[in-house]
Amino acid sequence: MEKSTSIKYFLVDNGSFRAESVLYIRDIARQLSKVSGKRVDPAGIMHSHKVDPLKLNGIPGLSMEAFFQSEESNEAECMNFIPMFLGPSLAITDWLKVKADEWNAAKTGREYKIADCLFQDGDERIANALYDQIIKYLGEQDQVKPYIILVDHGTPLREVNYVREAIGTQLAKKLQGTISGFSTASMERRDGDEYAFNDPLLEKLLMEIYSHGQKNVILAQLFLAPGRHAGPEGDIEKICLPFENDGLKIHKIPTLGNHPYILEILAERLAGI
């Protein structure tokens, strides 16, 4: 295991106030450390350092927000970032890059690298991870062909939305013949026609397919970790609950971060730095 404190490797996600999210990415970073021989620290962009350490097995959470203000950042000579992001979120392309540039300019001899995000054109491993989970569930059930919804958070950036749509196209093709219908959807979106590329909203889509007599839905969650959106009692569960109470069967595919294909991609990003 590489022990140099002057070279830092960070697995970075958005960050969360929820302990389960911090523990989740911590486990993934532990697996990356094991396969790479490098110490990989899990860090949220923001918030994760605010979680009660008692909920994190006594080990405080880490965020880049706090790290860049710490003495440890002054001692580092090289920082390497592996984004736990599907596409080019502003958290990576804007916030992290600005902060890393400031850190880099503050002292000579420093350098940093930010690896690519998880999705790349032509790579179908994310769609394959979703497909594996869906087919496994279908193999355990005796039911009519379900309707598949690939849902993400929603985004103001067309570049991030493109990732969802590309993965959706790949997944729909793989599922041909096994499902009754397929759509992408957003959990939420900003107001305005300029953000209409996020449509349909999950709630409106569920309302529409339920009104047409659909009884079985598989919700493929395009999220990497459980949290306030895709976690227990999260936003997606709250959107689905009224429909489930009315008899619509909705099975939610687990978040993707610890799937072997995602770990494989992360390991490649780490090795390429």
Protein backbone atom coordinates (compact mmCIF):
# COMPACT_ATOMS: atom_id res chain seq x y z
CA MET A 1 0.00 0.00 0.00
CA GLU A 2 1.40 3.38 -1.01
CA LYS A 3 1.95 5.49 2.12
CA SER A 4 3.35 8.79 0.88
CA THR A 5 1.42 11.69 2.42
CA SER A 6 2.61 14.08 -0.32
CA ILE A 7 0.61 12.21 -2.99
CA LYS A 8 -3.12 12.03 -2.38
CA TYR A 9 -5.78 9.97 -4.14
CA PHE A 10 -9.41 10.94 -3.63
CA LEU A 11 -12.57 9.15 -4.70
CA VAL A 12 -14.98 12.09 -4.87
CA ASP A 13 -18.75 12.26 -4.95
CA ASN A 14 -21.16 15.13 -4.28
CA GLY A 15 -21.08 14.56 -0.56
CA SER A 16 -23.97 13.97 1.82
CA PHE A 17 -25.32 14.71 5.28
CA ARG A 18 -26.40 11.04 5.47
CA ALA A 19 -24.14 8.55 7.18
CA GLU A 20 -25.17 5.67 4.90
CA SER A 21 -23.94 7.60 1.87
CA VAL A 22 -20.56 8.33 3.46
CA LEU A 23 -20.15 4.70 4.53
CA TYR A 24 -21.13 3.52 1.06
CA ILE A 25 -18.43 5.50 -0.78
CA ARG A 26 -15.98 4.65 2.00
CA ASP A 27 -16.45 0.96 1.22
CA ILE A 28 -15.87 1.56 -2.49
CA ALA A 29 -12.69 3.52 -1.75
CA ARG A 30 -11.52 0.64 0.44
CA GLN A 31 -11.99 -1.78 -2.46
CA LEU A 32 -10.11 0.54 -4.84
CA SER A 33 -7.26 0.81 -2.35
CA LYS A 34 -7.07 -2.97 -2.18
CA VAL A 35 -6.90 -3.54 -5.94
CA SER A 36 -4.58 -0.61 -6.67
CA GLY A 37 -2.14 -0.71 -3.77
CA LYS A 38 -2.70 3.04 -3.35
CA ARG A 39 -4.45 4.68 -0.43
CA VAL A 40 -7.70 6.08 -1.82
CA ASP A 41 -9.55 8.49 0.46
CA PRO A 42 -13.32 8.85 0.01
CA ALA A 43 -14.43 12.47 -0.03
CA GLY A 44 -17.60 14.37 -0.76
CA ILE A 45 -17.26 17.62 -2.61
CA MET A 46 -19.15 19.18 0.32
CA HIS A 47 -21.03 18.25 3.51
CA SER A 48 -19.56 14.82 4.34
CA HIS A 49 -17.28 16.22 7.06
CA LYS A 50 -20.41 17.44 8.91
CA VAL A 51 -21.79 13.94 9.58
CA ASP A 52 -21.59 12.83 13.21
CA PRO A 53 -18.50 10.56 13.49
CA LEU A 54 -20.44 8.34 15.90
CA LYS A 55 -22.58 7.35 12.91
CA LEU A 56 -19.44 6.61 10.88
CA ASN A 57 -17.82 4.01 13.13
CA GLY A 58 -15.99 6.78 14.96
CA ILE A 59 -14.10 7.90 11.83
CA PRO A 60 -14.93 11.47 10.71
CA GLY A 61 -16.18 11.99 7.17
CA LEU A 62 -14.10 13.91 4.67
CA SER A 63 -15.06 16.59 2.16
CA MET A 64 -12.90 18.51 -0.28
CA GLU A 65 -14.60 21.65 1.05
CA ALA A 66 -12.90 21.02 4.41
CA PHE A 67 -9.71 19.43 3.06
CA PHE A 68 -8.71 22.45 0.97
CA GLN A 69 -8.81 24.52 4.16
CA SER A 70 -6.73 22.04 6.15
CA GLU A 71 -3.03 21.92 6.98
CA GLU A 72 -2.85 18.53 5.29
CA SER A 73 -3.65 20.13 1.93
CA ASN A 74 -0.67 22.46 2.41
CA GLU A 75 1.61 19.47 2.88
CA ALA A 76 0.41 17.62 -0.22
CA GLU A 77 2.41 17.95 -3.42
CA CYS A 78 0.17 15.99 -5.77
CA MET A 79 -3.57 15.38 -5.72
CA ASN A 80 -5.37 12.86 -7.90
CA PHE A 81 -9.16 12.83 -8.15
CA ILE A 82 -11.31 9.91 -9.32
CA PRO A 83 -14.85 11.25 -9.86
CA MET A 84 -17.70 9.12 -8.56
CA PHE A 85 -19.89 10.84 -11.14
CA LEU A 86 -21.61 9.41 -14.20
CA GLY A 87 -21.14 12.56 -16.27
CA PRO A 88 -19.50 16.01 -16.25
CA SER A 89 -21.28 17.60 -13.30
CA LEU A 90 -20.37 21.18 -12.41
CA ALA A 91 -19.18 19.86 -9.05
CA ILE A 92 -16.25 18.34 -10.97
CA THR A 93 -15.79 20.58 -14.00
CA ASP A 94 -16.30 23.83 -12.13
CA TRP A 95 -16.09 23.71 -8.31
CA LEU A 96 -13.37 21.08 -7.92
CA LYS A 97 -11.28 22.43 -10.78
CA VAL A 98 -11.43 25.99 -9.42
CA LYS A 99 -10.42 24.88 -5.93
CA ALA A 100 -7.66 22.62 -7.26
CA ASP A 101 -6.34 25.44 -9.46
CA GLU A 102 -6.21 27.74 -6.44
CA TRP A 103 -4.38 25.10 -4.41
CA ASN A 104 -1.97 24.48 -7.29
CA ALA A 105 -1.18 28.18 -7.71
CA ALA A 106 -0.53 28.75 -4.00
CA LYS A 107 2.82 26.95 -4.00
CA THR A 108 5.34 25.91 -6.63
CA GLY A 109 5.94 22.26 -7.37
CA ARG A 110 2.33 21.19 -6.94
CA GLU A 111 0.25 19.28 -9.46
CA TYR A 112 -3.14 17.64 -9.69
CA LYS A 113 -5.12 15.45 -12.06
CA ILE A 114 -8.85 14.84 -12.40
CA ALA A 115 -9.74 11.56 -14.07
CA ASP A 116 -12.65 11.21 -16.49
CA CYS A 117 -16.14 10.60 -15.17
CA LEU A 118 -17.62 7.11 -15.39
CA PHE A 119 -19.52 7.22 -18.69
CA GLN A 120 -17.66 7.33 -21.99
CA ASP A 121 -19.22 6.99 -25.44
CA GLY A 122 -19.09 3.42 -26.66
CA ASP A 123 -18.66 1.93 -23.19
CA GLU A 124 -21.77 -0.08 -22.26
CA ARG A 125 -20.71 -1.26 -18.81
CA ILE A 126 -23.07 1.06 -16.94
CA ALA A 127 -26.00 -0.17 -19.05
CA ASN A 128 -24.75 -3.73 -18.51
CA ALA A 129 -24.79 -3.20 -14.73
CA LEU A 130 -28.40 -2.03 -14.89
CA TYR A 131 -29.31 -4.88 -17.25
CA ASP A 132 -27.76 -7.45 -14.88
CA GLN A 133 -29.83 -6.19 -11.97
CA ILE A 134 -33.06 -6.06 -13.98
CA ILE A 135 -32.62 -9.55 -15.47
CA LYS A 136 -31.75 -10.97 -12.06
CA TYR A 137 -34.95 -9.55 -10.60
CA LEU A 138 -37.05 -10.78 -13.53
CA GLY A 139 -35.57 -14.25 -13.11
CA GLU A 140 -36.77 -14.31 -9.51
CA GLN A 141 -40.31 -13.18 -10.34
CA ASP A 142 -43.27 -14.67 -12.15
CA GLN A 143 -44.86 -11.60 -13.66
CA VAL A 144 -46.00 -10.04 -16.91
CA LYS A 145 -43.50 -7.97 -18.84
CA PRO A 146 -42.75 -4.85 -16.76
CA TYR A 147 -42.41 -1.24 -17.81
CA ILE A 148 -38.85 0.02 -17.26
CA ILE A 149 -38.07 3.58 -16.16
CA LEU A 150 -34.46 4.78 -16.07
CA VAL A 151 -34.56 7.69 -13.63
CA ASP A 152 -31.89 10.18 -12.63
CA HIS A 153 -31.98 13.36 -10.59
CA GLY A 154 -32.40 15.81 -13.45
CA THR A 155 -29.84 18.39 -14.49
CA PRO A 156 -29.46 21.92 -15.88
CA LEU A 157 -26.69 20.62 -18.17
CA ARG A 158 -27.40 19.00 -21.52
CA GLU A 159 -24.02 17.26 -21.30
CA VAL A 160 -25.12 15.43 -18.16
CA ASN A 161 -28.56 14.65 -19.59
CA TYR A 162 -26.83 13.19 -22.65
CA VAL A 163 -25.26 10.55 -20.41
CA ARG A 164 -28.66 9.39 -19.15
CA GLU A 165 -30.11 9.28 -22.64
CA ALA A 166 -27.13 7.38 -24.04
CA ILE A 167 -27.29 4.80 -21.26
CA GLY A 168 -31.05 4.60 -21.74
CA THR A 169 -30.64 3.84 -25.44
CA GLN A 170 -28.15 1.08 -24.65
CA LEU A 171 -30.34 -0.42 -21.93
CA ALA A 172 -33.56 -0.35 -23.96
CA LYS A 173 -31.83 -2.22 -26.77
CA LYS A 174 -30.56 -4.91 -24.40
CA LEU A 175 -34.04 -5.39 -22.92
CA GLN A 176 -35.92 -5.74 -26.21
CA GLY A 177 -38.49 -8.53 -26.03
CA THR A 178 -38.48 -8.79 -22.23
CA ILE A 179 -40.38 -5.60 -21.33
CA SER A 180 -43.66 -3.87 -22.16
CA GLY A 181 -42.22 -0.37 -22.43
CA PHE A 182 -39.26 1.86 -21.63
CA SER A 183 -38.67 5.50 -20.80
CA THR A 184 -36.08 7.72 -19.20
CA ALA A 185 -37.26 10.21 -16.58
CA SER A 186 -36.04 12.86 -14.16
CA MET A 187 -36.81 13.04 -10.47
CA GLU A 188 -37.06 16.83 -10.77
CA ARG A 189 -36.15 19.67 -13.11
CA ARG A 190 -35.82 23.43 -13.16
CA ASP A 191 -38.68 25.50 -14.51
CA GLY A 192 -38.45 26.84 -18.05
CA ASP A 193 -38.54 25.51 -21.59
CA GLU A 194 -34.73 25.54 -21.69
CA TYR A 195 -34.73 22.60 -19.24
CA ALA A 196 -37.42 20.58 -21.00
CA PHE A 197 -34.79 18.06 -22.11
CA ASN A 198 -35.18 16.54 -18.63
CA ASP A 199 -38.78 15.49 -19.30
CA PRO A 200 -40.70 13.44 -18.49
CA LEU A 201 -40.76 13.88 -14.74
CA LEU A 202 -41.00 10.60 -12.85
CA GLU A 203 -44.25 11.53 -11.09
CA LYS A 204 -45.99 12.48 -14.35
CA LEU A 205 -44.72 9.37 -16.12
CA LEU A 206 -45.97 7.09 -13.34
CA MET A 207 -49.33 8.83 -13.49
CA GLU A 208 -49.51 8.30 -17.26
CA ILE A 209 -48.56 4.64 -17.37
CA TYR A 210 -50.77 3.83 -14.38
CA SER A 211 -53.73 5.45 -16.12
CA HIS A 212 -53.09 3.15 -19.10
CA GLY A 213 -53.40 0.07 -16.89
CA GLN A 214 -49.75 -0.71 -16.25
CA LYS A 215 -49.35 -2.74 -13.05
CA ASN A 216 -45.62 -3.59 -12.92
CA VAL A 217 -42.77 -1.10 -13.07
CA ILE A 218 -39.05 -1.57 -12.58
CA LEU A 219 -37.33 1.65 -11.61
CA ALA A 220 -33.72 1.54 -12.73
CA GLN A 221 -32.11 4.18 -10.52
CA LEU A 222 -29.26 5.97 -12.27
CA PHE A 223 -27.67 6.91 -8.96
CA LEU A 224 -24.33 5.73 -7.61
CA ALA A 225 -25.06 5.78 -3.88
CA PRO A 226 -28.04 5.83 -1.54
CA GLY A 227 -28.84 9.21 -0.06
CA ARG A 228 -31.65 11.72 0.23
CA HIS A 229 -32.73 11.00 -3.35
CA ALA A 230 -32.30 7.25 -3.93
CA GLY A 231 -31.93 6.09 -0.33
CA PRO A 232 -34.46 4.81 2.23
CA GLU A 233 -37.26 7.34 2.73
CA GLY A 234 -35.65 9.43 0.01
CA ASP A 235 -37.26 11.60 -2.64
CA ILE A 236 -37.81 8.78 -5.12
CA GLU A 237 -39.54 6.62 -2.51
CA LYS A 238 -41.82 9.54 -1.65
CA ILE A 239 -42.72 10.03 -5.32
CA CYS A 240 -43.51 6.34 -5.75
CA LEU A 241 -45.43 5.76 -2.52
CA PRO A 242 -48.86 7.14 -3.59
CA PHE A 243 -48.81 4.98 -6.73
CA GLU A 244 -47.77 1.91 -4.75
CA ASN A 245 -50.61 2.58 -2.32
CA ASP A 246 -52.96 2.57 -5.32
CA GLY A 247 -51.74 -0.86 -6.42
CA LEU A 248 -48.89 -0.12 -8.82
CA LYS A 249 -46.05 -2.55 -8.17
CA ILE A 250 -42.72 -0.68 -8.34
CA HIS A 251 -39.42 -2.49 -7.86
CA LYS A 252 -36.44 -0.18 -7.36
CA ILE A 253 -33.09 -1.40 -8.67
CA PRO A 254 -30.31 -0.75 -6.11
CA THR A 255 -27.86 2.10 -6.61
CA LEU A 256 -24.93 1.24 -8.85
CA GLY A 257 -21.78 2.34 -7.06
CA ASN A 258 -20.66 -1.04 -5.74
CA HIS A 259 -21.53 -3.03 -8.87
CA PRO A 260 -18.47 -4.87 -10.25
CA TYR A 261 -18.66 -3.01 -13.57
CA ILE A 262 -18.57 0.37 -11.81
CA LEU A 263 -15.65 -0.74 -9.65
CA GLU A 264 -13.89 -1.91 -12.79
CA ILE A 265 -14.29 1.50 -14.42
CA LEU A 266 -13.13 3.31 -11.28
CA ALA A 267 -10.05 1.09 -11.10
CA GLU A 268 -9.26 1.96 -14.73
CA ARG A 269 -9.61 5.68 -14.01
CA LEU A 270 -7.29 5.33 -11.02
CA ALA A 271 -4.72 3.36 -13.00
CA GLY A 272 -4.79 5.99 -15.76
CA ILE A 273 -3.82 8.89 -13.52
